[in-house]
PDB file of N, CA and C in Angstrom:
ATOM      1  N   UNK A   1      27.109 127.113  11.869  1.00  0.00           N
ATOM      2  CA  UNK A   1      26.398 127.037  10.594  1.00  0.00           C
ATOM      3  C   UNK A   1      27.306 126.700   9.696  1.00  0.00           C
ATOM      4  N   UNK A   2      28.490 126.527   9.553  1.00  0.00           N
ATOM      5  CA  UNK A   2      29.278 126.241   8.498  1.00  0.00           C
ATOM      6  C   UNK A   2      28.748 124.921   7.539  1.00  0.00           C
ATOM      7  N   UNK A   3      28.194 123.959   8.501  1.00  0.00           N
ATOM      8  CA  UNK A   3      27.772 122.569   7.747  1.00  0.00           C
ATOM      9  C   UNK A   3      26.174 122.682   7.478  1.00  0.00           C
ATOM     10  N   UNK A   4      25.743 123.722   7.769  1.00  0.00           N
ATOM     11  CA  UNK A   4      24.195 123.537   7.323  1.00  0.00           C
ATOM     12  C   UNK A   4      23.830 123.936   5.898  1.00  0.00           C
ATOM     13  N   UNK A   5      22.759 122.966   5.692  1.00  0.00           N
ATOM     14  CA  UNK A   5      22.295 123.135   4.109  1.00  0.00           C
ATOM     15  C   UNK A   5      21.270 124.297   3.943  1.00  0.00           C
ATOM     16  N   UNK A   6      20.471 124.570   5.061  1.00  0.00           N
ATOM     17  CA  UNK A   6      19.482 125.649   5.027  1.00  0.00           C
ATOM     18  C   UNK A   6      19.152 125.928   6.451  1.00  0.00           C
ATOM     19  N   UNK A   7      18.647 127.206   6.623  1.00  0.00           N
ATOM     20  CA  UNK A   7      18.345 127.590   7.906  1.00  0.00           C
ATOM     21  C   UNK A   7      16.839 128.028   7.730  1.00  0.00           C
ATOM     22  N   UNK A   8      16.001 127.562   8.711  1.00  0.00           N
ATOM     23  CA  UNK A   8      14.597 127.916   8.681  1.00  0.00           C
ATOM     24  C   UNK A   8      14.320 128.552  10.096  1.00  0.00           C
ATOM     25  N   UNK A   9      13.660 129.859  10.130  1.00  0.00           N
ATOM     26  CA  UNK A   9      13.344 130.210  11.299  1.00  0.00           C
ATOM     27  C   UNK A   9      11.808 130.939  11.212  1.00  0.00           C
ATOM     28  N   UNK A  10      11.211 131.171  12.481  1.00  0.00           N
ATOM     29  CA  UNK A  10       9.903 131.709  12.341  1.00  0.00           C
ATOM     30  C   UNK A  10      10.240 133.159  12.657  1.00  0.00           C
ATOM     31  N   UNK A  11       9.283 134.048  11.847  1.00  0.00           N
ATOM     32  CA  UNK A  11       9.674 135.505  11.995  1.00  0.00           C
ATOM     33  C   UNK A  11       8.722 135.909  13.166  1.00  0.00           C
ATOM     34  N   UNK A  12       7.720 135.076  13.757  1.00  0.00           N
ATOM     35  CA  UNK A  12       6.890 135.705  14.813  1.00  0.00           C
ATOM     36  C   UNK A  12       7.656 135.504  16.091  1.00  0.00           C
ATOM     37  N   UNK A  13       8.947 134.616  16.235  1.00  0.00           N
ATOM     38  CA  UNK A  13       9.532 134.396  17.485  1.00  0.00           C
ATOM     39  C   UNK A  13      10.927 135.216  17.426  1.00  0.00           C
ATOM     40  N   UNK A  14      11.401 135.712  16.406  1.00  0.00           N
ATOM     41  CA  UNK A  14      12.690 136.272  16.282  1.00  0.00           C
ATOM     42  C   UNK A  14      12.549 137.713  15.981  1.00  0.00           C
ATOM     43  N   UNK A  15      13.412 138.618  16.553  1.00  0.00           N
ATOM     44  CA  UNK A  15      13.241 140.170  16.485  1.00  0.00           C
ATOM     45  C   UNK A  15      13.888 140.582  15.144  1.00  0.00           C
ATOM     46  N   UNK A  16      13.676 141.692  14.749  1.00  0.00           N
ATOM     47  CA  UNK A  16      14.115 142.018  13.218  1.00  0.00           C
ATOM     48  C   UNK A  16      15.660 142.076  13.279  1.00  0.00           C
ATOM     49  N   UNK A  17      16.250 142.657  14.320  1.00  0.00           N
ATOM     50  CA  UNK A  17      17.842 142.629  14.279  1.00  0.00           C
ATOM     51  C   UNK A  17      18.455 141.303  14.267  1.00  0.00           C
ATOM     52  N   UNK A  18      17.771 140.484  14.986  1.00  0.00           N
ATOM     53  CA  UNK A  18      18.198 139.073  14.744  1.00  0.00           C
ATOM     54  C   UNK A  18      18.122 138.393  13.491  1.00  0.00           C
ATOM     55  N   UNK A  19      17.095 138.650  13.068  1.00  0.00           N
ATOM     56  CA  UNK A  19      16.498 138.148  11.661  1.00  0.00           C
ATOM     57  C   UNK A  19      17.525 138.609  10.564  1.00  0.00           C
ATOM     58  N   UNK A  20      17.894 140.101  10.786  1.00  0.00           N
ATOM     59  CA  UNK A  20      18.624 140.584   9.709  1.00  0.00           C
ATOM     60  C   UNK A  20      20.025 140.037   9.608  1.00  0.00           C
ATOM     61  N   UNK A  21      20.515 139.816  11.027  1.00  0.00           N
ATOM     62  CA  UNK A  21      21.816 139.395  11.026  1.00  0.00           C
ATOM     63  C   UNK A  21      22.033 137.891  10.635  1.00  0.00           C
ATOM     64  N   UNK A  22      20.943 137.194  10.991  1.00  0.00           N
ATOM     65  CA  UNK A  22      20.839 135.789  10.392  1.00  0.00           C
ATOM     66  C   UNK A  22      20.815 135.630   8.822  1.00  0.00           C
ATOM     67  N   UNK A  23      20.228 136.530   8.093  1.00  0.00           N
ATOM     68  CA  UNK A  23      20.062 136.534   6.815  1.00  0.00           C
ATOM     69  C   UNK A  23      21.422 137.052   6.250  1.00  0.00           C
ATOM     70  N   UNK A  24      22.174 137.993   6.847  1.00  0.00           N
ATOM     71  CA  UNK A  24      23.605 138.317   6.263  1.00  0.00           C
ATOM     72  C   UNK A  24      24.594 137.217   6.434  1.00  0.00           C
ATOM     73  N   UNK A  25      24.540 136.466   7.618  1.00  0.00           N
ATOM     74  CA  UNK A  25      25.479 135.228   7.893  1.00  0.00           C
ATOM     75  C   UNK A  25      25.020 134.196   6.824  1.00  0.00           C
ATOM     76  N   UNK A  26      23.960 133.842   6.436  1.00  0.00           N
ATOM     77  CA  UNK A  26      23.306 132.911   5.619  1.00  0.00           C
ATOM     78  C   UNK A  26      23.835 133.369   4.260  1.00  0.00           C
ATOM     79  N   UNK A  27      23.768 134.615   3.836  1.00  0.00           N
ATOM     80  CA  UNK A  27      24.278 135.039   2.372  1.00  0.00           C
ATOM     81  C   UNK A  27      25.686 134.925   2.408  1.00  0.00           C
ATOM     82  N   UNK A  28      26.523 135.358   3.633  1.00  0.00           N
ATOM     83  CA  UNK A  28      28.102 135.251   3.379  1.00  0.00           C
ATOM     84  C   UNK A  28      28.576 133.739   3.163  1.00  0.00           C
ATOM     85  N   UNK A  29      27.657 133.010   3.942  1.00  0.00           N
ATOM     86  CA  UNK A  29      28.246 131.373   3.756  1.00  0.00           C
ATOM     87  C   UNK A  29      27.335 130.641   2.619  1.00  0.00           C
ATOM     88  N   UNK A  30      26.722 131.512   1.912  1.00  0.00           N
ATOM     89  CA  UNK A  30      25.823 130.736   0.652  1.00  0.00           C
ATOM     90  C   UNK A  30      25.006 129.559   1.293  1.00  0.00           C
ATOM     91  N   UNK A  31      24.361 129.911   2.280  1.00  0.00           N
ATOM     92  CA  UNK A  31      23.335 128.999   2.747  1.00  0.00           C
ATOM     93  C   UNK A  31      22.033 129.460   2.709  1.00  0.00           C
ATOM     94  N   UNK A  32      20.986 128.569   2.168  1.00  0.00           N
ATOM     95  CA  UNK A  32      19.653 129.016   1.750  1.00  0.00           C
ATOM     96  C   UNK A  32      18.822 129.228   3.180  1.00  0.00           C
ATOM     97  N   UNK A  33      18.182 130.238   3.113  1.00  0.00           N
ATOM     98  CA  UNK A  33      17.506 130.592   4.307  1.00  0.00           C
ATOM     99  C   UNK A  33      16.065 130.939   4.031  1.00  0.00           C
ATOM    100  N   UNK A  34      15.130 130.300   4.963  1.00  0.00           N
ATOM    101  CA  UNK A  34      13.780 130.354   4.774  1.00  0.00           C
ATOM    102  C   UNK A  34      13.110 130.790   5.775  1.00  0.00           C
ATOM    103  N   UNK A  35      12.204 131.895   5.794  1.00  0.00           N
ATOM    104  CA  UNK A  35      11.581 132.267   7.078  1.00  0.00           C
ATOM    105  C   UNK A  35      10.218 131.774   7.030  1.00  0.00           C
ATOM    106  N   UNK A  36       9.661 131.333   8.159  1.00  0.00           N
ATOM    107  CA  UNK A  36       8.280 130.834   8.457  1.00  0.00           C
ATOM    108  C   UNK A  36       7.307 131.859   8.686  1.00  0.00           C
ATOM    109  N   UNK A  37       6.151 131.804   8.506  1.00  0.00           N
ATOM    110  CA  UNK A  37       5.230 132.730   8.962  1.00  0.00           C
ATOM    111  C   UNK A  37       5.159 132.569  10.411  1.00  0.00           C
ATOM    112  N   UNK A  38       5.062 131.553  11.028  1.00  0.00           N
ATOM    113  CA  UNK A  38       4.698 131.140  12.401  1.00  0.00           C
ATOM    114  C   UNK A  38       5.600 129.935  12.792  1.00  0.00           C
ATOM    115  N   UNK A  39       5.646 129.920  14.231  1.00  0.00           N
ATOM    116  CA  UNK A  39       6.336 128.847  14.527  1.00  0.00           C
ATOM    117  C   UNK A  39       5.534 127.437  14.972  1.00  0.00           C
ATOM    118  N   UNK A  40       4.935 127.082  13.768  1.00  0.00           N
ATOM    119  CA  UNK A  40       3.814 125.995  13.890  1.00  0.00           C
ATOM    120  C   UNK A  40       4.495 124.856  13.011  1.00  0.00           C
ATOM    121  N   UNK A  41       3.892 123.818  13.038  1.00  0.00           N
ATOM    122  CA  UNK A  41       4.032 122.652  12.332  1.00  0.00           C
ATOM    123  C   UNK A  41       3.557 122.868  10.759  1.00  0.00           C
ATOM    124  N   UNK A  42       2.318 123.574  10.689  1.00  0.00           N
ATOM    125  CA  UNK A  42       1.799 124.019   9.461  1.00  0.00           C
ATOM    126  C   UNK A  42       2.553 124.821   8.655  1.00  0.00           C
ATOM    127  N   UNK A  43       3.046 125.739   9.181  1.00  0.00           N
ATOM    128  CA  UNK A  43       4.014 126.557   8.558  1.00  0.00           C
ATOM    129  C   UNK A  43       5.317 125.839   7.936  1.00  0.00           C
ATOM    130  N   UNK A  44       5.834 124.654   8.648  1.00  0.00           N
ATOM    131  CA  UNK A  44       6.945 124.184   8.289  1.00  0.00           C
ATOM    132  C   UNK A  44       6.401 122.836   7.179  1.00  0.00           C
ATOM    133  N   UNK A  45       5.387 122.533   7.261  1.00  0.00           N
ATOM    134  CA  UNK A  45       5.183 121.445   6.327  1.00  0.00           C
ATOM    135  C   UNK A  45       4.775 122.205   5.056  1.00  0.00           C
ATOM    136  N   UNK A  46       4.085 123.689   4.970  1.00  0.00           N
ATOM    137  CA  UNK A  46       3.982 124.399   3.944  1.00  0.00           C
ATOM    138  C   UNK A  46       5.373 124.667   3.097  1.00  0.00           C
ATOM    139  N   UNK A  47       6.378 124.935   3.937  1.00  0.00           N
ATOM    140  CA  UNK A  47       7.628 125.017   3.443  1.00  0.00           C
ATOM    141  C   UNK A  47       8.375 124.003   2.746  1.00  0.00           C
ATOM    142  N   UNK A  48       8.287 123.057   3.229  1.00  0.00           N
ATOM    143  CA  UNK A  48       8.782 121.615   2.786  1.00  0.00           C
ATOM    144  C   UNK A  48       8.033 121.306   1.373  1.00  0.00           C
ATOM    145  N   UNK A  49       6.686 121.521   1.444  1.00  0.00           N
ATOM    146  CA  UNK A  49       5.947 121.310   0.232  1.00  0.00           C
ATOM    147  C   UNK A  49       6.097 122.359  -0.915  1.00  0.00           C
ATOM    148  N   UNK A  50       6.306 123.622  -0.581  1.00  0.00           N
ATOM    149  CA  UNK A  50       7.007 124.444  -1.572  1.00  0.00           C
ATOM    150  C   UNK A  50       8.252 124.146  -2.051  1.00  0.00           C
ATOM    151  N   UNK A  51       9.108 123.600  -1.122  1.00  0.00           N
ATOM    152  CA  UNK A  51      10.428 123.401  -1.781  1.00  0.00           C
ATOM    153  C   UNK A  51      10.549 122.171  -2.460  1.00  0.00           C
ATOM    154  N   UNK A  52       9.738 121.161  -2.190  1.00  0.00           N
ATOM    155  CA  UNK A  52       9.571 119.934  -2.959  1.00  0.00           C
ATOM    156  C   UNK A  52       8.985 120.220  -4.363  1.00  0.00           C
ATOM    157  N   UNK A  53       8.009 121.252  -4.590  1.00  0.00           N
ATOM    158  CA  UNK A  53       7.341 121.488  -5.511  1.00  0.00           C
ATOM    159  C   UNK A  53       8.345 122.319  -6.825  1.00  0.00           C
ATOM    160  N   UNK A  54       9.150 123.209  -5.956  1.00  0.00           N
ATOM    161  CA  UNK A  54      10.221 123.711  -6.651  1.00  0.00           C
ATOM    162  C   UNK A  54      11.073 122.837  -7.271  1.00  0.00           C
ATOM    163  N   UNK A  55      11.764 121.751  -6.588  1.00  0.00           N
ATOM    164  CA  UNK A  55      12.664 120.867  -6.869  1.00  0.00           C
ATOM    165  C   UNK A  55      12.208 119.955  -8.150  1.00  0.00           C
ATOM    166  N   UNK A  56      10.950 119.629  -8.072  1.00  0.00           N
ATOM    167  CA  UNK A  56      10.344 118.738  -8.927  1.00  0.00           C
ATOM    168  C   UNK A  56      10.219 119.628 -10.394  1.00  0.00           C
ATOM    169  N   UNK A  57       9.989 120.822 -10.286  1.00  0.00           N
ATOM    170  CA  UNK A  57       9.643 121.705 -11.365  1.00  0.00           C
ATOM    171  C   UNK A  57      11.145 121.860 -12.057  1.00  0.00           C
ATOM    172  N   UNK A  58      12.195 122.126 -11.179  1.00  0.00           N
ATOM    173  CA  UNK A  58      13.578 122.222 -11.699  1.00  0.00           C
ATOM    174  C   UNK A  58      14.074 120.907 -12.435  1.00  0.00           C
ATOM    175  N   UNK A  59      13.757 119.818 -11.727  1.00  0.00           N
ATOM    176  CA  UNK A  59      13.959 118.628 -12.399  1.00  0.00           C
ATOM    177  C   UNK A  59      13.476 118.150 -13.731  1.00  0.00           C
ATOM    178  N   UNK A  60      11.976 118.598 -13.948  1.00  0.00           N
ATOM    179  CA  UNK A  60      11.521 118.548 -15.151  1.00  0.00           C
ATOM    180  C   UNK A  60      11.969 119.274 -16.214  1.00  0.00           C
ATOM    181  N   UNK A  61      12.417 120.668 -15.864  1.00  0.00           N
ATOM    182  CA  UNK A  61      12.616 121.513 -16.895  1.00  0.00           C
ATOM    183  C   UNK A  61      13.913 121.192 -17.398  1.00  0.00           C
ATOM    184  N   UNK A  62      14.915 120.616 -16.753  1.00  0.00           N
ATOM    185  CA  UNK A  62      16.220 120.187 -17.418  1.00  0.00           C
ATOM    186  C   UNK A  62      16.117 119.076 -18.314  1.00  0.00           C
ATOM    187  N   UNK A  63      15.298 118.023 -18.252  1.00  0.00           N
ATOM    188  CA  UNK A  63      15.125 117.125 -19.312  1.00  0.00           C
ATOM    189  C   UNK A  63      15.868 115.790 -18.748  1.00  0.00           C
ATOM    190  N   UNK A  64      16.459 115.112 -19.608  1.00  0.00           N
ATOM    191  CA  UNK A  64      16.952 113.898 -19.302  1.00  0.00           C
ATOM    192  C   UNK A  64      18.401 114.377 -18.890  1.00  0.00           C
ATOM    193  N   UNK A  65      18.909 113.647 -17.941  1.00  0.00           N
ATOM    194  CA  UNK A  65      20.520 113.954 -17.562  1.00  0.00           C
ATOM    195  C   UNK A  65      21.293 113.542 -18.527  1.00  0.00           C
ATOM    196  N   UNK A  66      22.329 114.461 -18.747  1.00  0.00           N
ATOM    197  CA  UNK A  66      23.135 114.430 -19.666  1.00  0.00           C
ATOM    198  C   UNK A  66      24.460 113.525 -19.115  1.00  0.00           C
ATOM    199  N   UNK A  67      25.179 112.638 -19.972  1.00  0.00           N
ATOM    200  CA  UNK A  67      26.241 111.970 -19.691  1.00  0.00           C
ATOM    201  C   UNK A  67      27.252 111.740 -21.083  1.00  0.00           C
ATOM    202  N   UNK A  68      28.313 111.370 -20.859  1.00  0.00           N
ATOM    203  CA  UNK A  68      29.347 111.219 -21.776  1.00  0.00           C
ATOM    204  C   UNK A  68      29.044 109.936 -22.409  1.00  0.00           C
ATOM    205  N   UNK A  69      28.915 109.664 -23.695  1.00  0.00           N
ATOM    206  CA  UNK A  69      28.919 108.274 -24.219  1.00  0.00           C
ATOM    207  C   UNK A  69      30.026 107.661 -24.231  1.00  0.00           C
ATOM    208  N   UNK A  70      31.255 108.424 -23.945  1.00  0.00           N
ATOM    209  CA  UNK A  70      32.425 107.687 -23.991  1.00  0.00           C
ATOM    210  C   UNK A  70      32.869 107.323 -22.655  1.00  0.00           C
ATOM    211  N   UNK A  71      32.555 108.142 -21.497  1.00  0.00           N
ATOM    212  CA  UNK A  71      33.356 107.910 -20.313  1.00  0.00           C
ATOM    213  C   UNK A  71      32.003 107.348 -19.285  1.00  0.00           C
ATOM    214  N   UNK A  72      30.769 107.522 -19.729  1.00  0.00           N
ATOM    215  CA  UNK A  72      29.487 106.961 -19.094  1.00  0.00           C
ATOM    216  C   UNK A  72      29.058 108.126 -18.025  1.00  0.00           C
TER     217      UNK A  72
END
């Protein structure tokens, strides 16, 4: 998992102990983790849509990108 950008797992297919261990490992490695309600394509698409909406909101709230007039 050291090279992972994010971990996605369905909570209906993973037992509680494994889920808690996975969360701890992700938190230690500063890896984003996202539980899915079910192991279905619909749940995965919902997560991707939510992450996309969050990314767009964060981009819009920052405004124009800042850069140094001297160095570009």
